[in-house]
Amino acid sequence: MAMNYTVIAQSRDEILDPENAPSLTMWPYLIQTSQETLLRTISVYTDKGTSREQARVLYMNTVALTLWRAMGRTPTILLEQHRPPKTALLAFGVPFSE
């Protein structure tokens, strides 16, 4: 089974900075870099974390993670998994599909 999503932790301090919110920053970046067509391939989910160090958990597919890094972000990667959990909410892009 392919591991389609990378699980990323964001600390409480990170989530206080709006620049660390994919739902707020990815679309402007796509426009600025003329990559709007990637929107149909990006999938980012979010879920609440369980500690100060992992206050928010992001689930990014490969395209989203590549874009996030191109935006200068250095994610704290926890693991990879096939799909986001059912409790996670779509934050940006398109839903998971097989």
PDB file of N, CA and C in Angstrom:
ATOM      1  N   MET A   1       0.840  -1.173   0.000  1.00  0.00           N
ATOM      2  CA  MET A   1       0.000   0.000   0.000  1.00  0.00           C
ATOM      3  C   MET A   1       0.892   1.246   0.000  1.00  0.00           C
ATOM      4  N   ALA A   2       0.634   2.162  -0.899  1.00  0.00           N
ATOM      5  CA  ALA A   2       1.442   3.382  -1.005  1.00  0.00           C
ATOM      6  C   ALA A   2       1.200   4.304   0.185  1.00  0.00           C
ATOM      7  N   MET A   3       2.266   4.940   0.627  1.00  0.00           N
ATOM      8  CA  MET A   3       2.159   5.935   1.685  1.00  0.00           C
ATOM      9  C   MET A   3       1.958   7.286   1.011  1.00  0.00           C
ATOM     10  N   ASN A   4       0.744   7.759   1.001  1.00  0.00           N
ATOM     11  CA  ASN A   4       0.386   8.950   0.242  1.00  0.00           C
ATOM     12  C   ASN A   4       0.519  10.260   1.007  1.00  0.00           C
ATOM     13  N   TYR A   5       0.546  10.204   2.327  1.00  0.00           N
ATOM     14  CA  TYR A   5       0.570  11.425   3.132  1.00  0.00           C
ATOM     15  C   TYR A   5       1.724  11.414   4.115  1.00  0.00           C
ATOM     16  N   THR A   6       2.382  12.561   4.225  1.00  0.00           N
ATOM     17  CA  THR A   6       3.412  12.766   5.235  1.00  0.00           C
ATOM     18  C   THR A   6       2.756  13.492   6.395  1.00  0.00           C
ATOM     19  N   VAL A   7       2.998  13.001   7.599  1.00  0.00           N
ATOM     20  CA  VAL A   7       2.413  13.588   8.805  1.00  0.00           C
ATOM     21  C   VAL A   7       3.420  14.569   9.389  1.00  0.00           C
ATOM     22  N   ILE A   8       2.974  15.799   9.585  1.00  0.00           N
ATOM     23  CA  ILE A   8       3.839  16.887  10.042  1.00  0.00           C
ATOM     24  C   ILE A   8       3.275  17.478  11.323  1.00  0.00           C
ATOM     25  N   ALA A   9       4.146  17.670  12.306  1.00  0.00           N
ATOM     26  CA  ALA A   9       3.739  18.303  13.562  1.00  0.00           C
ATOM     27  C   ALA A   9       4.092  19.780  13.528  1.00  0.00           C
ATOM     28  N   GLN A  10       3.208  20.591  14.075  1.00  0.00           N
ATOM     29  CA  GLN A  10       3.503  22.004  14.275  1.00  0.00           C
ATOM     30  C   GLN A  10       3.307  22.328  15.752  1.00  0.00           C
ATOM     31  N   SER A  11       4.272  23.038  16.312  1.00  0.00           N
ATOM     32  CA  SER A  11       4.211  23.407  17.727  1.00  0.00           C
ATOM     33  C   SER A  11       3.238  24.567  17.934  1.00  0.00           C
ATOM     34  N   ARG A  12       2.936  24.821  19.186  1.00  0.00           N
ATOM     35  CA  ARG A  12       2.060  25.939  19.523  1.00  0.00           C
ATOM     36  C   ARG A  12       2.647  27.243  18.988  1.00  0.00           C
ATOM     37  N   ASP A  13       3.948  27.428  19.153  1.00  0.00           N
ATOM     38  CA  ASP A  13       4.594  28.647  18.661  1.00  0.00           C
ATOM     39  C   ASP A  13       4.485  28.769  17.140  1.00  0.00           C
ATOM     40  N   GLU A  14       4.617  27.653  16.433  1.00  0.00           N
ATOM     41  CA  GLU A  14       4.511  27.682  14.970  1.00  0.00           C
ATOM     42  C   GLU A  14       3.109  28.078  14.519  1.00  0.00           C
ATOM     43  N   ILE A  15       2.090  27.552  15.184  1.00  0.00           N
ATOM     44  CA  ILE A  15       0.730  27.849  14.718  1.00  0.00           C
ATOM     45  C   ILE A  15       0.287  29.268  15.072  1.00  0.00           C
ATOM     46  N   LEU A  16       1.015  29.932  15.954  1.00  0.00           N
ATOM     47  CA  LEU A  16       0.703  31.335  16.248  1.00  0.00           C
ATOM     48  C   LEU A  16       1.101  32.258  15.098  1.00  0.00           C
ATOM     49  N   ASP A  17       1.969  31.791  14.210  1.00  0.00           N
ATOM     50  CA  ASP A  17       2.398  32.567  13.044  1.00  0.00           C
ATOM     51  C   ASP A  17       1.525  32.181  11.846  1.00  0.00           C
ATOM     52  N   PRO A  18       0.709  33.104  11.339  1.00  0.00           N
ATOM     53  CA  PRO A  18      -0.169  32.784  10.206  1.00  0.00           C
ATOM     54  C   PRO A  18       0.579  32.281   8.967  1.00  0.00           C
ATOM     55  N   GLU A  19       1.859  32.601   8.843  1.00  0.00           N
ATOM     56  CA  GLU A  19       2.643  32.126   7.702  1.00  0.00           C
ATOM     57  C   GLU A  19       2.813  30.610   7.713  1.00  0.00           C
ATOM     58  N   ASN A  20       2.532  29.970   8.835  1.00  0.00           N
ATOM     59  CA  ASN A  20       2.646  28.518   8.949  1.00  0.00           C
ATOM     60  C   ASN A  20       1.314  27.808   8.728  1.00  0.00           C
ATOM     61  N   ALA A  21       0.331  28.529   8.198  1.00  0.00           N
ATOM     62  CA  ALA A  21      -0.981  27.946   7.912  1.00  0.00           C
ATOM     63  C   ALA A  21      -1.101  27.702   6.406  1.00  0.00           C
ATOM     64  N   PRO A  22      -1.060  26.450   5.979  1.00  0.00           N
ATOM     65  CA  PRO A  22      -1.153  26.162   4.541  1.00  0.00           C
ATOM     66  C   PRO A  22      -2.395  26.761   3.887  1.00  0.00           C
ATOM     67  N   SER A  23      -3.513  26.763   4.609  1.00  0.00           N
ATOM     68  CA  SER A  23      -4.752  27.278   4.023  1.00  0.00           C
ATOM     69  C   SER A  23      -4.680  28.778   3.736  1.00  0.00           C
ATOM     70  N   LEU A  24      -3.779  29.489   4.408  1.00  0.00           N
ATOM     71  CA  LEU A  24      -3.629  30.927   4.184  1.00  0.00           C
ATOM     72  C   LEU A  24      -2.495  31.274   3.227  1.00  0.00           C
ATOM     73  N   THR A  25      -1.502  30.419   3.128  1.00  0.00           N
ATOM     74  CA  THR A  25      -0.286  30.796   2.407  1.00  0.00           C
ATOM     75  C   THR A  25      -0.057  30.079   1.079  1.00  0.00           C
ATOM     76  N   MET A  26      -0.626  28.902   0.908  1.00  0.00           N
ATOM     77  CA  MET A  26      -0.327  28.150  -0.316  1.00  0.00           C
ATOM     78  C   MET A  26      -0.909  28.792  -1.571  1.00  0.00           C
ATOM     79  N   TRP A  27      -2.163  29.249  -1.508  1.00  0.00           N
ATOM     80  CA  TRP A  27      -2.772  29.822  -2.703  1.00  0.00           C
ATOM     81  C   TRP A  27      -2.031  31.081  -3.165  1.00  0.00           C
ATOM     82  N   PRO A  28      -1.729  32.038  -2.289  1.00  0.00           N
ATOM     83  CA  PRO A  28      -0.949  33.200  -2.753  1.00  0.00           C
ATOM     84  C   PRO A  28       0.400  32.802  -3.357  1.00  0.00           C
ATOM     85  N   TYR A  29       1.043  31.784  -2.778  1.00  0.00           N
ATOM     86  CA  TYR A  29       2.321  31.323  -3.330  1.00  0.00           C
ATOM     87  C   TYR A  29       2.131  30.734  -4.727  1.00  0.00           C
ATOM     88  N   LEU A  30       1.078  29.946  -4.899  1.00  0.00           N
ATOM     89  CA  LEU A  30       0.810  29.371  -6.221  1.00  0.00           C
ATOM     90  C   LEU A  30       0.594  30.466  -7.258  1.00  0.00           C
ATOM     91  N   ILE A  31      -0.117  31.512  -6.890  1.00  0.00           N
ATOM     92  CA  ILE A  31      -0.358  32.624  -7.817  1.00  0.00           C
ATOM     93  C   ILE A  31       0.948  33.358  -8.122  1.00  0.00           C
ATOM     94  N   GLN A  32       1.718  33.668  -7.083  1.00  0.00           N
ATOM     95  CA  GLN A  32       2.977  34.407  -7.265  1.00  0.00           C
ATOM     96  C   GLN A  32       3.968  33.657  -8.152  1.00  0.00           C
ATOM     97  N   THR A  33       3.914  32.333  -8.104  1.00  0.00           N
ATOM     98  CA  THR A  33       4.867  31.522  -8.866  1.00  0.00           C
ATOM     99  C   THR A  33       4.244  30.911 -10.128  1.00  0.00           C
ATOM    100  N   SER A  34       3.042  31.362 -10.471  1.00  0.00           N
ATOM    101  CA  SER A  34       2.326  30.893 -11.671  1.00  0.00           C
ATOM    102  C   SER A  34       2.178  29.371 -11.699  1.00  0.00           C
ATOM    103  N   GLN A  35       1.828  28.798 -10.560  1.00  0.00           N
ATOM    104  CA  GLN A  35       1.650  27.345 -10.459  1.00  0.00           C
ATOM    105  C   GLN A  35       0.216  26.981 -10.063  1.00  0.00           C
ATOM    106  N   GLU A  36      -0.751  27.806 -10.445  1.00  0.00           N
ATOM    107  CA  GLU A  36      -2.138  27.599 -10.034  1.00  0.00           C
ATOM    108  C   GLU A  36      -2.683  26.219 -10.398  1.00  0.00           C
ATOM    109  N   THR A  37      -2.174  25.637 -11.484  1.00  0.00           N
ATOM    110  CA  THR A  37      -2.687  24.331 -11.911  1.00  0.00           C
ATOM    111  C   THR A  37      -2.381  23.229 -10.895  1.00  0.00           C
ATOM    112  N   LEU A  38      -1.414  23.460 -10.019  1.00  0.00           N
ATOM    113  CA  LEU A  38      -1.105  22.460  -8.988  1.00  0.00           C
ATOM    114  C   LEU A  38      -2.237  22.295  -7.982  1.00  0.00           C
ATOM    115  N   LEU A  39      -3.132  23.272  -7.906  1.00  0.00           N
ATOM    116  CA  LEU A  39      -4.218  23.198  -6.929  1.00  0.00           C
ATOM    117  C   LEU A  39      -4.999  21.897  -7.047  1.00  0.00           C
ATOM    118  N   ARG A  40      -5.142  21.393  -8.256  1.00  0.00           N
ATOM    119  CA  ARG A  40      -5.910  20.152  -8.473  1.00  0.00           C
ATOM    120  C   ARG A  40      -5.182  18.906  -7.982  1.00  0.00           C
ATOM    121  N   THR A  41      -3.924  19.053  -7.572  1.00  0.00           N
ATOM    122  CA  THR A  41      -3.149  17.889  -7.132  1.00  0.00           C
ATOM    123  C   THR A  41      -2.690  17.990  -5.678  1.00  0.00           C
ATOM    124  N   ILE A  42      -2.937  19.128  -5.044  1.00  0.00           N
ATOM    125  CA  ILE A  42      -2.509  19.349  -3.656  1.00  0.00           C
ATOM    126  C   ILE A  42      -3.591  18.862  -2.705  1.00  0.00           C
ATOM    127  N   SER A  43      -3.165  18.214  -1.628  1.00  0.00           N
ATOM    128  CA  SER A  43      -4.095  17.761  -0.602  1.00  0.00           C
ATOM    129  C   SER A  43      -3.445  17.950   0.766  1.00  0.00           C
ATOM    130  N   VAL A  44      -4.058  18.821   1.571  1.00  0.00           N
ATOM    131  CA  VAL A  44      -3.567  19.087   2.922  1.00  0.00           C
ATOM    132  C   VAL A  44      -4.731  18.951   3.895  1.00  0.00           C
ATOM    133  N   TYR A  45      -4.559  18.086   4.870  1.00  0.00           N
ATOM    134  CA  TYR A  45      -5.532  17.918   5.943  1.00  0.00           C
ATOM    135  C   TYR A  45      -4.917  18.405   7.241  1.00  0.00           C
ATOM    136  N   THR A  46      -5.761  18.761   8.193  1.00  0.00           N
ATOM    137  CA  THR A  46      -5.283  19.200   9.497  1.00  0.00           C
ATOM    138  C   THR A  46      -6.089  18.527  10.603  1.00  0.00           C
ATOM    139  N   ASP A  47      -5.448  18.351  11.730  1.00  0.00           N
ATOM    140  CA  ASP A  47      -6.096  17.761  12.900  1.00  0.00           C
ATOM    141  C   ASP A  47      -5.456  18.376  14.136  1.00  0.00           C
ATOM    142  N   LYS A  48      -6.177  18.355  15.228  1.00  0.00           N
ATOM    143  CA  LYS A  48      -5.608  18.904  16.463  1.00  0.00           C
ATOM    144  C   LYS A  48      -4.521  17.978  16.981  1.00  0.00           C
ATOM    145  N   GLY A  49      -3.538  18.582  17.605  1.00  0.00           N
ATOM    146  CA  GLY A  49      -2.449  17.810  18.180  1.00  0.00           C
ATOM    147  C   GLY A  49      -2.752  17.392  19.604  1.00  0.00           C
ATOM    148  N   THR A  50      -1.735  16.849  20.252  1.00  0.00           N
ATOM    149  CA  THR A  50      -1.929  16.319  21.600  1.00  0.00           C
ATOM    150  C   THR A  50      -0.992  16.932  22.629  1.00  0.00           C
ATOM    151  N   SER A  51      -0.143  17.867  22.206  1.00  0.00           N
ATOM    152  CA  SER A  51       0.805  18.472  23.145  1.00  0.00           C
ATOM    153  C   SER A  51       1.229  19.844  22.625  1.00  0.00           C
ATOM    154  N   ARG A  52       1.981  20.560  23.434  1.00  0.00           N
ATOM    155  CA  ARG A  52       2.485  21.877  23.020  1.00  0.00           C
ATOM    156  C   ARG A  52       3.414  21.746  21.810  1.00  0.00           C
ATOM    157  N   GLU A  53       4.201  20.684  21.777  1.00  0.00           N
ATOM    158  CA  GLU A  53       5.129  20.459  20.670  1.00  0.00           C
ATOM    159  C   GLU A  53       4.418  19.979  19.410  1.00  0.00           C
ATOM    160  N   GLN A  54       3.252  19.373  19.595  1.00  0.00           N
ATOM    161  CA  GLN A  54       2.455  18.894  18.459  1.00  0.00           C
ATOM    162  C   GLN A  54       1.038  19.448  18.594  1.00  0.00           C
ATOM    163  N   ALA A  55       0.930  20.772  18.563  1.00  0.00           N
ATOM    164  CA  ALA A  55      -0.366  21.426  18.753  1.00  0.00           C
ATOM    165  C   ALA A  55      -1.284  21.242  17.545  1.00  0.00           C
ATOM    166  N   ARG A  56      -0.689  21.135  16.366  1.00  0.00           N
ATOM    167  CA  ARG A  56      -1.454  20.877  15.143  1.00  0.00           C
ATOM    168  C   ARG A  56      -0.708  19.829  14.342  1.00  0.00           C
ATOM    169  N   VAL A  57      -1.467  18.945  13.712  1.00  0.00           N
ATOM    170  CA  VAL A  57      -0.881  17.919  12.857  1.00  0.00           C
ATOM    171  C   VAL A  57      -1.406  18.150  11.443  1.00  0.00           C
ATOM    172  N   LEU A  58      -0.482  18.198  10.502  1.00  0.00           N
ATOM    173  CA  LEU A  58      -0.831  18.351   9.093  1.00  0.00           C
ATOM    174  C   LEU A  58      -0.562  17.040   8.369  1.00  0.00           C
ATOM    175  N   TYR A  59      -1.399  16.728   7.410  1.00  0.00           N
ATOM    176  CA  TYR A  59      -1.226  15.558   6.553  1.00  0.00           C
ATOM    177  C   TYR A  59      -1.109  16.099   5.136  1.00  0.00           C
ATOM    178  N   MET A  60       0.081  15.995   4.550  1.00  0.00           N
ATOM    179  CA  MET A  60       0.323  16.546   3.216  1.00  0.00           C
ATOM    180  C   MET A  60       0.677  15.445   2.232  1.00  0.00           C
ATOM    181  N   ASN A  61       0.067  15.523   1.040  1.00  0.00           N
ATOM    182  CA  ASN A  61       0.508  14.606  -0.005  1.00  0.00           C
ATOM    183  C   ASN A  61       1.841  15.107  -0.559  1.00  0.00           C
ATOM    184  N   THR A  62       2.440  14.345  -1.451  1.00  0.00           N
ATOM    185  CA  THR A  62       3.779  14.661  -1.951  1.00  0.00           C
ATOM    186  C   THR A  62       3.849  16.033  -2.612  1.00  0.00           C
ATOM    187  N   VAL A  63       2.855  16.372  -3.409  1.00  0.00           N
ATOM    188  CA  VAL A  63       2.856  17.670  -4.093  1.00  0.00           C
ATOM    189  C   VAL A  63       2.804  18.802  -3.069  1.00  0.00           C
ATOM    190  N   ALA A  64       1.942  18.666  -2.075  1.00  0.00           N
ATOM    191  CA  ALA A  64       1.820  19.700  -1.041  1.00  0.00           C
ATOM    192  C   ALA A  64       3.111  19.842  -0.245  1.00  0.00           C
ATOM    193  N   LEU A  65       3.726  18.722   0.114  1.00  0.00           N
ATOM    194  CA  LEU A  65       4.972  18.776   0.883  1.00  0.00           C
ATOM    195  C   LEU A  65       6.096  19.418   0.065  1.00  0.00           C
ATOM    196  N   THR A  66       6.174  19.092  -1.206  1.00  0.00           N
ATOM    197  CA  THR A  66       7.179  19.701  -2.078  1.00  0.00           C
ATOM    198  C   THR A  66       6.970  21.213  -2.159  1.00  0.00           C
ATOM    199  N   LEU A  67       5.731  21.631  -2.306  1.00  0.00           N
ATOM    200  CA  LEU A  67       5.404  23.052  -2.350  1.00  0.00           C
ATOM    201  C   LEU A  67       5.744  23.732  -1.023  1.00  0.00           C
ATOM    202  N   TRP A  68       5.385  23.102   0.092  1.00  0.00           N
ATOM    203  CA  TRP A  68       5.648  23.647   1.429  1.00  0.00           C
ATOM    204  C   TRP A  68       7.146  23.902   1.617  1.00  0.00           C
ATOM    205  N   ARG A  69       7.947  22.958   1.172  1.00  0.00           N
ATOM    206  CA  ARG A  69       9.405  23.125   1.273  1.00  0.00           C
ATOM    207  C   ARG A  69       9.894  24.229   0.334  1.00  0.00           C
ATOM    208  N   ALA A  70       9.320  24.309  -0.858  1.00  0.00           N
ATOM    209  CA  ALA A  70       9.695  25.371  -1.796  1.00  0.00           C
ATOM    210  C   ALA A  70       9.349  26.748  -1.235  1.00  0.00           C
ATOM    211  N   MET A  71       8.365  26.793  -0.357  1.00  0.00           N
ATOM    212  CA  MET A  71       7.969  28.040   0.290  1.00  0.00           C
ATOM    213  C   MET A  71       8.911  28.399   1.444  1.00  0.00           C
ATOM    214  N   GLY A  72       9.911  27.565   1.668  1.00  0.00           N
ATOM    215  CA  GLY A  72      10.890  27.847   2.709  1.00  0.00           C
ATOM    216  C   GLY A  72      10.567  27.262   4.065  1.00  0.00           C
ATOM    217  N   ARG A  73       9.578  26.416   4.135  1.00  0.00           N
ATOM    218  CA  ARG A  73       9.202  25.800   5.413  1.00  0.00           C
ATOM    219  C   ARG A  73      10.075  24.575   5.666  1.00  0.00           C
ATOM    220  N   THR A  74      10.375  24.329   6.928  1.00  0.00           N
ATOM    221  CA  THR A  74      11.141  23.139   7.325  1.00  0.00           C
ATOM    222  C   THR A  74      10.265  22.325   8.273  1.00  0.00           C
ATOM    223  N   PRO A  75       9.478  21.423   7.721  1.00  0.00           N
ATOM    224  CA  PRO A  75       8.504  20.685   8.527  1.00  0.00           C
ATOM    225  C   PRO A  75       9.140  19.680   9.485  1.00  0.00           C
ATOM    226  N   THR A  76       8.458  19.478  10.600  1.00  0.00           N
ATOM    227  CA  THR A  76       8.828  18.430  11.550  1.00  0.00           C
ATOM    228  C   THR A  76       8.026  17.191  11.163  1.00  0.00           C
ATOM    229  N   ILE A  77       8.684  16.260  10.490  1.00  0.00           N
ATOM    230  CA  ILE A  77       8.003  15.074   9.967  1.00  0.00           C
ATOM    231  C   ILE A  77       7.942  13.991  11.034  1.00  0.00           C
ATOM    232  N   LEU A  78       6.737  13.461  11.227  1.00  0.00           N
ATOM    233  CA  LEU A  78       6.531  12.392  12.200  1.00  0.00           C
ATOM    234  C   LEU A  78       6.576  11.020  11.545  1.00  0.00           C
ATOM    235  N   LEU A  79       5.839  10.860  10.456  1.00  0.00           N
ATOM    236  CA  LEU A  79       5.755   9.567   9.773  1.00  0.00           C
ATOM    237  C   LEU A  79       5.029   9.740   8.456  1.00  0.00           C
ATOM    238  N   GLU A  80       4.847   8.638   7.752  1.00  0.00           N
ATOM    239  CA  GLU A  80       4.056   8.626   6.529  1.00  0.00           C
ATOM    240  C   GLU A  80       2.949   7.602   6.690  1.00  0.00           C
ATOM    241  N   GLN A  81       1.819   7.868   6.062  1.00  0.00           N
ATOM    242  CA  GLN A  81       0.711   6.919   6.118  1.00  0.00           C
ATOM    243  C   GLN A  81      -0.111   7.013   4.843  1.00  0.00           C
ATOM    244  N   HIS A  82      -0.975   6.020   4.659  1.00  0.00           N
ATOM    245  CA  HIS A  82      -1.736   5.906   3.416  1.00  0.00           C
ATOM    246  C   HIS A  82      -2.725   7.046   3.223  1.00  0.00           C
ATOM    247  N   ARG A  83      -3.453   7.404   4.267  1.00  0.00           N
ATOM    248  CA  ARG A  83      -4.468   8.455   4.168  1.00  0.00           C
ATOM    249  C   ARG A  83      -4.617   9.159   5.505  1.00  0.00           C
ATOM    250  N   PRO A  84      -5.180  10.362   5.509  1.00  0.00           N
ATOM    251  CA  PRO A  84      -5.411  11.045   6.781  1.00  0.00           C
ATOM    252  C   PRO A  84      -6.499  10.318   7.575  1.00  0.00           C
ATOM    253  N   PRO A  85      -6.506  10.484   8.893  1.00  0.00           N
ATOM    254  CA  PRO A  85      -7.575   9.868   9.682  1.00  0.00           C
ATOM    255  C   PRO A  85      -8.913  10.550   9.395  1.00  0.00           C
ATOM    256  N   LYS A  86      -9.983   9.885   9.705  1.00  0.00           N
ATOM    257  CA  LYS A  86     -11.318  10.427   9.447  1.00  0.00           C
ATOM    258  C   LYS A  86     -11.598  11.685  10.267  1.00  0.00           C
ATOM    259  N   THR A  87     -10.855  11.891  11.350  1.00  0.00           N
ATOM    260  CA  THR A  87     -11.043  13.088  12.179  1.00  0.00           C
ATOM    261  C   THR A  87     -10.387  14.328  11.583  1.00  0.00           C
ATOM    262  N   ALA A  88      -9.485  14.149  10.631  1.00  0.00           N
ATOM    263  CA  ALA A  88      -8.789  15.282  10.013  1.00  0.00           C
ATOM    264  C   ALA A  88      -9.714  16.001   9.027  1.00  0.00           C
ATOM    265  N   LEU A  89      -9.528  17.310   8.936  1.00  0.00           N
ATOM    266  CA  LEU A  89     -10.338  18.132   8.041  1.00  0.00           C
ATOM    267  C   LEU A  89      -9.500  18.621   6.866  1.00  0.00           C
ATOM    268  N   LEU A  90     -10.112  18.652   5.699  1.00  0.00           N
ATOM    269  CA  LEU A  90      -9.424  19.170   4.526  1.00  0.00           C
ATOM    270  C   LEU A  90      -9.168  20.660   4.734  1.00  0.00           C
ATOM    271  N   ALA A  91      -7.906  21.069   4.691  1.00  0.00           N
ATOM    272  CA  ALA A  91      -7.531  22.467   4.916  1.00  0.00           C
ATOM    273  C   ALA A  91      -7.249  23.202   3.609  1.00  0.00           C
ATOM    274  N   PHE A  92      -6.749  22.472   2.607  1.00  0.00           N
ATOM    275  CA  PHE A  92      -6.413  23.113   1.334  1.00  0.00           C
ATOM    276  C   PHE A  92      -6.296  22.048   0.256  1.00  0.00           C
ATOM    277  N   GLY A  93      -6.769  22.380  -0.931  1.00  0.00           N
ATOM    278  CA  GLY A  93      -6.615  21.472  -2.058  1.00  0.00           C
ATOM    279  C   GLY A  93      -7.794  20.540  -2.243  1.00  0.00           C
ATOM    280  N   VAL A  94      -7.487  19.347  -2.720  1.00  0.00           N
ATOM    281  CA  VAL A  94      -8.521  18.374  -3.068  1.00  0.00           C
ATOM    282  C   VAL A  94      -8.538  17.217  -2.068  1.00  0.00           C
ATOM    283  N   PRO A  95      -9.700  16.578  -1.896  1.00  0.00           N
ATOM    284  CA  PRO A  95      -9.796  15.461  -0.951  1.00  0.00           C
ATOM    285  C   PRO A  95      -8.978  14.249  -1.387  1.00  0.00           C
ATOM    286  N   PHE A  96      -8.672  13.417  -0.403  1.00  0.00           N
ATOM    287  CA  PHE A  96      -8.004  12.136  -0.642  1.00  0.00           C
ATOM    288  C   PHE A  96      -8.883  11.287  -1.539  1.00  0.00           C
ATOM    289  N   SER A  97      -8.263  10.589  -2.480  1.00  0.00           N
ATOM    290  CA  SER A  97      -8.998   9.607  -3.263  1.00  0.00           C
ATOM    291  C   SER A  97      -8.046   8.516  -3.694  1.00  0.00           C
ATOM    292  N   GLU A  98      -8.563   7.337  -3.856  1.00  0.00           N
ATOM    293  CA  GLU A  98      -7.741   6.180  -4.219  1.00  0.00           C
ATOM    294  C   GLU A  98      -7.661   6.057  -5.724  1.00  0.00           C
TER     295      GLU A  98
END
